[in-house]
Amino acid sequence: MEYSEYIRQTRYFYDLTLSEFGKRVGYSVGYISDIERKRVNASDKFKTAVLREFPRTDAFDRFLMEIKRGDFNGG
């Protein structure tokens, strides 16, 4: 999974808008949108902020695996 998709799926998992996600990690909506749209590469500082605010959990890892397999049904 590309990092841009990882960010989008993280937002989806936690049910956050770009604005809500940005406030939690300390980055602008525009920057996060540019990452998701592959206009820019995420900085190491951004990646660190994301992992600090949204640490990987077993539930999140299962969610990502379901997405990868195409098994996620949205519920």
C-alpha atoms as a PDB file:
ATOM      1  CA  MET A   1       0.000   0.000   0.000  1.00  0.00           C
ATOM      2  CA  GLU A   2       1.355   3.405  -0.927  1.00  0.00           C
ATOM      3  CA  TYR A   3       1.730   5.951   1.856  1.00  0.00           C
ATOM      4  CA  SER A   4      -0.896   8.214   0.289  1.00  0.00           C
ATOM      5  CA  GLU A   5      -3.441   5.395   0.549  1.00  0.00           C
ATOM      6  CA  TYR A   6      -2.265   4.562   4.075  1.00  0.00           C
ATOM      7  CA  ILE A   7      -3.100   8.129   5.154  1.00  0.00           C
ATOM      8  CA  ARG A   8      -6.507   8.013   3.510  1.00  0.00           C
ATOM      9  CA  GLN A   9      -7.303   4.662   5.142  1.00  0.00           C
ATOM     10  CA  THR A  10      -6.112   5.947   8.517  1.00  0.00           C
ATOM     11  CA  ARG A  11      -8.552   8.839   8.223  1.00  0.00           C
ATOM     12  CA  TYR A  12     -11.309   6.453   7.187  1.00  0.00           C
ATOM     13  CA  PHE A  13     -10.605   4.045  10.057  1.00  0.00           C
ATOM     14  CA  TYR A  14     -10.757   6.846  12.624  1.00  0.00           C
ATOM     15  CA  ASP A  15     -13.664   8.572  10.812  1.00  0.00           C
ATOM     16  CA  LEU A  16     -11.820  11.893  10.443  1.00  0.00           C
ATOM     17  CA  THR A  17     -12.095  14.667   7.891  1.00  0.00           C
ATOM     18  CA  LEU A  18      -8.942  16.200   6.451  1.00  0.00           C
ATOM     19  CA  SER A  19      -9.396  19.109   8.857  1.00  0.00           C
ATOM     20  CA  GLU A  20      -9.820  16.895  11.923  1.00  0.00           C
ATOM     21  CA  PHE A  21      -6.849  14.749  10.932  1.00  0.00           C
ATOM     22  CA  GLY A  22      -4.741  17.848  10.293  1.00  0.00           C
ATOM     23  CA  LYS A  23      -5.498  19.293  13.718  1.00  0.00           C
ATOM     24  CA  ARG A  24      -4.496  16.037  15.387  1.00  0.00           C
ATOM     25  CA  VAL A  25      -1.157  15.762  13.580  1.00  0.00           C
ATOM     26  CA  GLY A  26      -0.422  19.485  13.330  1.00  0.00           C
ATOM     27  CA  TYR A  27      -0.438  19.856   9.541  1.00  0.00           C
ATOM     28  CA  SER A  28      -2.610  21.781   7.107  1.00  0.00           C
ATOM     29  CA  VAL A  29      -5.491  20.348   5.127  1.00  0.00           C
ATOM     30  CA  GLY A  30      -3.686  21.331   1.929  1.00  0.00           C
ATOM     31  CA  TYR A  31      -0.520  19.440   2.830  1.00  0.00           C
ATOM     32  CA  ILE A  32      -2.427  16.285   3.777  1.00  0.00           C
ATOM     33  CA  SER A  33      -4.547  16.519   0.636  1.00  0.00           C
ATOM     34  CA  ASP A  34      -1.397  16.877  -1.466  1.00  0.00           C
ATOM     35  CA  ILE A  35       0.008  13.720   0.142  1.00  0.00           C
ATOM     36  CA  GLU A  36      -3.190  11.772  -0.492  1.00  0.00           C
ATOM     37  CA  ARG A  37      -3.253  12.954  -4.109  1.00  0.00           C
ATOM     38  CA  LYS A  38       0.449  12.090  -4.535  1.00  0.00           C
ATOM     39  CA  ARG A  39       1.383  15.690  -5.322  1.00  0.00           C
ATOM     40  CA  VAL A  40       4.055  15.692  -2.612  1.00  0.00           C
ATOM     41  CA  ASN A  41       5.878  13.070  -0.614  1.00  0.00           C
ATOM     42  CA  ALA A  42       5.250  13.058   3.115  1.00  0.00           C
ATOM     43  CA  SER A  43       8.118  14.400   5.183  1.00  0.00           C
ATOM     44  CA  ASP A  44       9.702  12.279   7.880  1.00  0.00           C
ATOM     45  CA  LYS A  45       8.343  14.735  10.466  1.00  0.00           C
ATOM     46  CA  PHE A  46       4.832  14.214   9.135  1.00  0.00           C
ATOM     47  CA  LYS A  47       5.204  10.424   9.240  1.00  0.00           C
ATOM     48  CA  THR A  48       6.443  10.631  12.826  1.00  0.00           C
ATOM     49  CA  ALA A  49       3.499  12.845  13.805  1.00  0.00           C
ATOM     50  CA  VAL A  50       1.048  10.380  12.237  1.00  0.00           C
ATOM     51  CA  LEU A  51       2.548   7.394  14.066  1.00  0.00           C
ATOM     52  CA  ARG A  52       2.615   9.316  17.351  1.00  0.00           C
ATOM     53  CA  GLU A  53      -1.034  10.349  17.055  1.00  0.00           C
ATOM     54  CA  PHE A  54      -2.306   7.141  15.421  1.00  0.00           C
ATOM     55  CA  PRO A  55      -0.145   4.230  16.598  1.00  0.00           C
ATOM     56  CA  ARG A  56      -0.567   0.950  14.780  1.00  0.00           C
ATOM     57  CA  THR A  57      -2.981  -1.368  16.574  1.00  0.00           C
ATOM     58  CA  ASP A  58      -4.099  -4.920  15.905  1.00  0.00           C
ATOM     59  CA  ALA A  59      -7.543  -3.622  14.927  1.00  0.00           C
ATOM     60  CA  PHE A  60      -6.080  -1.149  12.455  1.00  0.00           C
ATOM     61  CA  ASP A  61      -3.753  -3.774  10.975  1.00  0.00           C
ATOM     62  CA  ARG A  62      -6.728  -6.133  10.501  1.00  0.00           C
ATOM     63  CA  PHE A  63      -8.648  -3.310   8.825  1.00  0.00           C
ATOM     64  CA  LEU A  64      -5.734  -2.695   6.415  1.00  0.00           C
ATOM     65  CA  MET A  65      -5.518  -6.406   5.608  1.00  0.00           C
ATOM     66  CA  GLU A  66      -9.257  -6.499   4.871  1.00  0.00           C
ATOM     67  CA  ILE A  67      -8.842  -3.532   2.533  1.00  0.00           C
ATOM     68  CA  LYS A  68      -5.909  -5.200   0.814  1.00  0.00           C
ATOM     69  CA  ARG A  69      -7.844  -8.454   0.340  1.00  0.00           C
ATOM     70  CA  GLY A  70     -11.012  -6.626  -0.695  1.00  0.00           C
ATOM     71  CA  ASP A  71     -12.916  -8.113   2.248  1.00  0.00           C
ATOM     72  CA  PHE A  72     -13.916  -4.874   3.945  1.00  0.00           C
ATOM     73  CA  ASN A  73     -17.658  -4.338   3.821  1.00  0.00           C
ATOM     74  CA  GLY A  74     -17.807  -0.896   5.445  1.00  0.00           C
ATOM     75  CA  GLY A  75     -19.281  -2.085   8.712  1.00  0.00           C
END
